[in-house]
Amino acid sequence: MTSRPSAEPPLLPPLLAIFALAVGAASGLFAAVAEASIVIAIGVGVVMTLGTAFLVTRRERRRRRIAREPFPPAWRTVLEEQVAYYRGLDVAGRARFEREVAIFLDEQRVTGPRGAPLADDLRVLVAASAVALAFGRPGYRYPTTRDVVVYDDAFGDDYEVDAGGPILGMVHAQGPILFSAKALRAGFRGAHDGRNVGYHELAHVLDFDGGPADGVPALMPLARIAPWTRVMAHESRQLERRLESRRKTVLRPYALTNEAEFFAVATEVFFEQPRMLKTKHPELYDLLRETYRQDPAAS
């Protein structure tokens, strides 16, 4: 008897076919899910974009409305009597300065401690400090996430008023901007003494706007950051030598605290004693001029 292999039907091709169908179905499902995810992502993006556009449009409409409203005469009197920067502007410049002050006070919360009402002259001086620093950059807006709190006098680490306290102003990485009312008014009375706590603390705000307070504000052109850090280091060494030899200095010793304080102190002098700063420290002056897009020594 002759034997031969049995002729059983092959199993592999049908299994491959079933596997292929399963893979195809899964691929279709994944594709459908991916398509749905893309559609959802696009939808969310569109909604967010439209929402942002709506908020921006509403904010700009409000700003235009505020700019059209008559500027309060009492506020103008404060600017005329106490803010030398404002007095140095031409008619068009004063009008723009007033508009920016009005917009700042509409968008920012400026009060006394614990939300107490604050005298109008102090609110205007806070706004004038902010507007002066940003005046060379029309359209710049300070972040609205910080309240501004003005104490009657100096204060201590416990944030309680203390006429002999060490703090005249303060800005944290997060949290409010703090001022001493007495120091704020004194800063504008001594318009050319190189000290203005309003300019000083708002310089810190600009510094924080770009990230950590490192003395390099977000307004500074990218190409000028390396020269600026070099000049800060050089000027700090020069200041130390002058203080050791008891020679007069344009920048006060507090500038040596750290880079953030150097920038804030230099900002005060740039706006209050620009010609002296330009004469004694021309490279420092030029870098600040490019940062603020202003040339106060020329006026």
Protein backbone atom coordinates (compact mmCIF):
# COMPACT_ATOMS: atom_id res chain seq x y z
CA MET A 1 0.00 0.00 0.00
CA THR A 2 1.31 3.36 -0.95
CA SER A 3 0.85 6.26 1.43
CA ARG A 4 0.83 10.01 0.59
CA PRO A 5 0.60 13.23 2.56
CA SER A 6 -2.91 14.32 3.44
CA ALA A 7 -4.15 17.37 1.49
CA GLU A 8 -5.22 19.67 4.48
CA PRO A 9 -6.26 23.23 3.57
CA PRO A 10 -3.55 25.90 4.27
CA LEU A 11 -4.28 28.09 7.40
CA LEU A 12 -1.77 30.96 7.01
CA PRO A 13 -3.41 32.99 4.22
CA PRO A 14 -6.79 33.30 6.00
CA LEU A 15 -5.07 34.31 9.26
CA LEU A 16 -3.10 36.96 7.44
CA ALA A 17 -6.27 38.20 5.83
CA ILE A 18 -8.03 38.45 9.21
CA PHE A 19 -5.01 40.23 10.69
CA ALA A 20 -4.93 42.65 7.80
CA LEU A 21 -8.61 43.40 8.25
CA ALA A 22 -8.08 44.00 11.96
CA VAL A 23 -5.12 46.30 11.31
CA GLY A 24 -7.11 48.16 8.69
CA ALA A 25 -10.02 48.63 11.06
CA ALA A 26 -7.71 49.81 13.82
CA SER A 27 -5.94 52.17 11.44
CA GLY A 28 -9.29 53.56 10.40
CA LEU A 29 -10.26 54.05 14.01
CA PHE A 30 -6.94 55.73 14.84
CA ALA A 31 -7.28 57.93 11.79
CA ALA A 32 -10.80 58.89 12.83
CA VAL A 33 -9.64 59.66 16.36
CA ALA A 34 -6.69 61.65 15.03
CA GLU A 35 -8.98 63.56 12.69
CA ALA A 36 -11.37 64.28 15.52
CA SER A 37 -8.48 65.39 17.75
CA ILE A 38 -7.22 67.73 15.05
CA VAL A 39 -10.70 69.15 14.53
CA ILE A 40 -11.12 69.63 18.29
CA ALA A 41 -7.68 71.22 18.60
CA ILE A 42 -8.42 73.56 15.72
CA GLY A 43 -11.79 74.38 17.26
CA VAL A 44 -10.25 75.12 20.64
CA GLY A 45 -7.56 77.21 18.97
CA VAL A 46 -10.16 79.19 17.04
CA VAL A 47 -12.25 79.75 20.17
CA MET A 48 -9.18 80.87 22.15
CA THR A 49 -8.06 83.15 19.33
CA LEU A 50 -11.51 84.66 19.00
CA GLY A 51 -11.73 85.06 22.77
CA THR A 52 -8.36 86.77 22.91
CA ALA A 53 -9.26 88.97 19.96
CA PHE A 54 -12.52 89.89 21.66
CA LEU A 55 -10.74 90.83 24.89
CA VAL A 56 -8.10 92.83 23.02
CA THR A 57 -10.74 94.59 20.97
CA ARG A 58 -12.81 95.38 24.04
CA ARG A 59 -9.72 96.65 25.87
CA GLU A 60 -8.70 98.81 22.93
CA ARG A 61 -12.24 100.20 22.63
CA ARG A 62 -12.14 101.11 26.31
CA ARG A 63 -8.72 102.73 25.92
CA ARG A 64 -9.96 104.80 22.99
CA ARG A 65 -12.98 105.87 25.02
CA ILE A 66 -10.80 106.85 27.99
CA ALA A 67 -8.47 108.77 25.65
CA ARG A 68 -11.42 110.77 24.29
CA GLU A 69 -12.68 111.81 27.72
CA PRO A 70 -11.62 115.24 29.06
CA PHE A 71 -8.54 115.03 31.23
CA PRO A 72 -9.41 116.07 34.82
CA PRO A 73 -8.12 119.61 35.47
CA ALA A 74 -6.98 118.60 38.98
CA TRP A 75 -4.78 115.89 37.47
CA ARG A 76 -3.31 118.36 34.98
CA THR A 77 -2.46 120.69 37.85
CA VAL A 78 -0.53 117.89 39.56
CA LEU A 79 1.43 117.26 36.37
CA GLU A 80 2.12 120.95 35.79
CA GLU A 81 3.22 121.62 39.35
CA GLN A 82 5.07 118.43 40.25
CA VAL A 83 6.26 116.56 37.16
CA ALA A 84 9.23 118.18 35.42
CA TYR A 85 9.15 115.54 32.67
CA TYR A 86 5.64 116.65 31.69
CA ARG A 87 6.60 120.33 31.75
CA GLY A 88 9.42 119.61 29.31
CA LEU A 89 7.07 118.28 26.62
CA ASP A 90 5.52 120.24 23.77
CA VAL A 91 1.76 120.62 23.42
CA ALA A 92 1.30 117.35 21.50
CA GLY A 93 3.57 115.51 23.91
CA ARG A 94 1.63 116.77 26.92
CA ALA A 95 -1.64 115.65 25.35
CA ARG A 96 -0.25 112.15 24.75
CA PHE A 97 1.20 112.04 28.25
CA GLU A 98 -2.21 112.91 29.69
CA ARG A 99 -3.90 110.19 27.64
CA GLU A 100 -1.40 107.62 28.87
CA VAL A 101 -1.88 108.70 32.49
CA ALA A 102 -5.65 108.35 32.13
CA ILE A 103 -5.35 104.90 30.57
CA PHE A 104 -2.88 103.72 33.23
CA LEU A 105 -5.16 104.82 36.06
CA ASP A 106 -8.14 103.19 34.37
CA GLU A 107 -6.34 99.85 34.02
CA GLN A 108 -4.33 99.72 37.23
CA ARG A 109 -5.56 99.48 40.83
CA VAL A 110 -3.75 102.21 42.79
CA THR A 111 -4.84 102.46 46.44
CA GLY A 112 -3.74 102.96 49.99
CA PRO A 113 -3.08 99.98 52.29
CA ARG A 114 -5.85 97.34 52.28
CA GLY A 115 -7.64 99.08 49.42
CA ALA A 116 -8.09 102.41 51.22
CA PRO A 117 -8.84 105.44 49.04
CA LEU A 118 -5.76 107.37 47.92
CA ALA A 119 -5.25 111.08 47.29
CA ASP A 120 -5.46 111.97 43.61
CA ASP A 121 -2.02 113.58 43.50
CA LEU A 122 -0.39 110.32 44.59
CA ARG A 123 -2.31 108.30 42.01
CA VAL A 124 -1.24 110.75 39.30
CA LEU A 125 2.42 110.65 40.41
CA VAL A 126 2.41 106.85 40.24
CA ALA A 127 0.96 107.00 36.74
CA ALA A 128 3.40 109.74 35.70
CA SER A 129 6.32 107.55 36.80
CA ALA A 130 5.08 104.68 34.66
CA VAL A 131 4.25 106.83 31.64
CA ALA A 132 7.61 108.66 31.65
CA LEU A 133 9.58 105.41 31.47
CA ALA A 134 7.46 103.99 28.63
CA PHE A 135 6.91 107.26 26.75
CA GLY A 136 9.42 106.38 24.05
CA ARG A 137 7.46 103.24 23.24
CA PRO A 138 3.90 104.30 22.33
CA GLY A 139 1.40 101.54 22.95
CA TYR A 140 3.45 99.77 25.64
CA ARG A 141 1.21 98.54 28.44
CA TYR A 142 2.28 97.58 31.93
CA PRO A 143 1.01 94.22 33.21
CA THR A 144 -2.29 94.61 35.06
CA THR A 145 -1.63 91.73 37.46
CA ARG A 146 -0.03 93.94 40.11
CA ASP A 147 -1.84 96.28 42.48
CA VAL A 148 -0.08 99.50 43.47
CA VAL A 149 -0.19 100.25 47.19
CA VAL A 150 0.95 103.59 48.61
CA TYR A 151 1.74 103.89 52.33
CA ASP A 152 1.77 107.21 54.17
CA ASP A 153 5.46 106.96 54.99
CA ALA A 154 8.35 104.53 54.98
CA PHE A 155 7.59 101.00 56.12
CA GLY A 156 9.34 97.95 57.49
CA ASP A 157 9.55 94.29 56.57
CA ASP A 158 6.20 93.76 58.27
CA TYR A 159 4.61 96.28 55.86
CA GLU A 160 3.57 98.51 58.73
CA VAL A 161 4.17 102.27 58.44
CA ASP A 162 7.32 103.34 60.25
CA ALA A 163 8.70 106.84 59.67
CA GLY A 164 12.16 105.48 60.44
CA GLY A 165 11.62 102.32 58.41
CA PRO A 166 14.16 101.27 55.80
CA ILE A 167 11.80 100.77 52.86
CA LEU A 168 10.60 103.57 50.58
CA GLY A 169 9.44 101.34 47.74
CA MET A 170 9.38 97.68 46.80
CA VAL A 171 8.51 95.33 43.95
CA HIS A 172 8.45 91.56 44.34
CA ALA A 173 8.60 89.00 41.55
CA GLN A 174 4.88 88.55 42.15
CA GLY A 175 2.66 90.83 44.15
CA PRO A 176 1.99 94.54 44.47
CA ILE A 177 4.17 97.56 43.83
CA LEU A 178 4.70 99.39 47.11
CA PHE A 179 5.51 103.06 47.64
CA SER A 180 5.99 105.49 50.47
CA ALA A 181 3.80 108.54 49.77
CA LYS A 182 6.35 110.81 51.39
CA ALA A 183 9.17 109.46 49.23
CA LEU A 184 7.03 109.53 46.08
CA ARG A 185 6.25 113.21 46.50
CA ALA A 186 9.84 114.02 47.48
CA GLY A 187 11.13 112.31 44.35
CA PHE A 188 9.19 114.68 42.12
CA ARG A 189 9.99 117.75 44.21
CA GLY A 190 13.70 117.08 43.77
CA ALA A 191 13.35 116.81 40.03
CA HIS A 192 17.09 116.89 39.30
CA ASP A 193 18.74 115.21 42.28
CA GLY A 194 18.92 111.77 40.67
CA ARG A 195 16.51 110.19 43.15
CA ASN A 196 12.96 109.27 42.29
CA VAL A 197 11.33 106.26 43.93
CA GLY A 198 8.61 106.27 41.26
CA TYR A 199 11.13 105.81 38.45
CA HIS A 200 13.11 103.34 40.56
CA GLU A 201 10.28 100.93 41.32
CA LEU A 202 8.75 101.12 37.85
CA ALA A 203 12.19 100.25 36.45
CA HIS A 204 11.98 97.09 38.56
CA VAL A 205 8.57 96.34 37.04
CA LEU A 206 10.10 96.60 33.55
CA ASP A 207 12.91 94.34 34.71
CA PHE A 208 10.50 91.70 36.02
CA ASP A 209 8.46 91.92 32.82
CA GLY A 210 11.24 90.05 31.03
CA GLY A 211 11.56 87.33 33.67
CA PRO A 212 13.70 87.38 36.82
CA ALA A 213 14.97 90.75 37.99
CA ASP A 214 18.51 90.57 36.61
CA GLY A 215 19.03 94.16 35.52
CA VAL A 216 18.12 93.35 31.91
CA PRO A 217 14.60 94.64 31.11
CA ALA A 218 12.38 93.23 28.41
CA LEU A 219 12.56 96.58 26.61
CA MET A 220 16.29 96.24 25.97
CA PRO A 221 17.17 95.39 22.34
CA LEU A 222 18.53 91.85 22.10
CA ALA A 223 21.77 93.01 20.48
CA ARG A 224 22.47 95.37 23.37
CA ILE A 225 22.16 92.85 26.21
CA ALA A 226 25.79 91.65 26.04
CA PRO A 227 27.20 95.21 25.93
CA TRP A 228 24.86 96.17 28.78
CA THR A 229 26.02 93.37 31.08
CA ARG A 230 29.63 94.27 30.31
CA VAL A 231 29.03 97.97 31.04
CA MET A 232 27.19 97.14 34.28
CA ALA A 233 30.16 95.13 35.50
CA HIS A 234 32.65 97.82 34.46
CA GLU A 235 30.65 100.69 35.98
CA SER A 236 30.16 98.76 39.22
CA ARG A 237 33.93 98.32 39.57
CA GLN A 238 34.46 102.00 38.84
CA LEU A 239 31.85 102.98 41.40
CA GLU A 240 33.51 100.83 44.06
CA ARG A 241 36.87 102.51 43.39
CA ARG A 242 35.36 105.98 43.56
CA LEU A 243 33.65 105.22 46.84
CA GLU A 244 36.86 103.82 48.29
CA SER A 245 38.70 107.02 47.36
CA ARG A 246 35.78 109.17 48.60
CA ARG A 247 35.26 110.78 45.22
CA LYS A 248 31.91 112.07 44.04
CA THR A 249 29.80 109.67 42.00
CA VAL A 250 26.86 110.08 39.63
CA LEU A 251 25.37 106.73 40.63
CA ARG A 252 24.69 106.32 44.31
CA PRO A 253 26.18 103.36 46.26
CA TYR A 254 22.87 101.47 46.32
CA ALA A 255 23.55 100.58 42.68
CA LEU A 256 26.15 98.07 43.92
CA THR A 257 23.51 95.94 45.69
CA ASN A 258 22.95 93.78 42.58
CA GLU A 259 22.27 94.07 38.85
CA ALA A 260 18.57 94.83 39.34
CA GLU A 261 19.33 97.75 41.64
CA PHE A 262 22.04 98.99 39.28
CA PHE A 263 19.50 99.23 36.48
CA ALA A 264 16.91 100.95 38.71
CA VAL A 265 19.41 103.50 40.09
CA ALA A 266 20.79 104.18 36.61
CA THR A 267 17.23 104.74 35.39
CA GLU A 268 16.64 107.39 38.06
CA VAL A 269 19.77 109.26 37.00
CA PHE A 270 19.00 108.84 33.29
CA PHE A 271 15.71 110.71 33.69
CA GLU A 272 16.73 113.20 36.38
CA GLN A 273 20.37 114.02 35.57
CA PRO A 274 20.73 112.99 31.93
CA ARG A 275 23.42 115.48 30.90
CA MET A 276 25.64 114.55 33.82
CA LEU A 277 25.18 110.83 33.12
CA LYS A 278 25.97 111.34 29.44
CA THR A 279 29.11 113.34 30.25
CA LYS A 280 30.48 111.03 32.94
CA HIS A 281 29.21 107.68 31.64
CA PRO A 282 28.53 108.05 27.89
CA GLU A 283 28.32 104.32 27.08
CA LEU A 284 25.92 103.69 29.95
CA TYR A 285 23.81 106.63 28.81
CA ASP A 286 23.69 105.43 25.21
CA LEU A 287 22.54 101.94 26.20
CA LEU A 288 19.74 103.40 28.33
CA ARG A 289 18.83 105.77 25.50
CA GLU A 290 18.40 102.80 23.16
CA THR A 291 16.45 100.86 25.77
CA TYR A 292 14.00 103.65 26.59
CA ARG A 293 14.06 105.16 23.09
CA GLN A 294 14.42 108.55 24.68
CA ASP A 295 17.22 111.13 24.75
CA PRO A 296 16.54 113.38 27.77
CA ALA A 297 20.00 114.99 27.57
CA ALA A 298 19.07 116.48 24.21
CA SER A 299 16.01 118.34 25.49
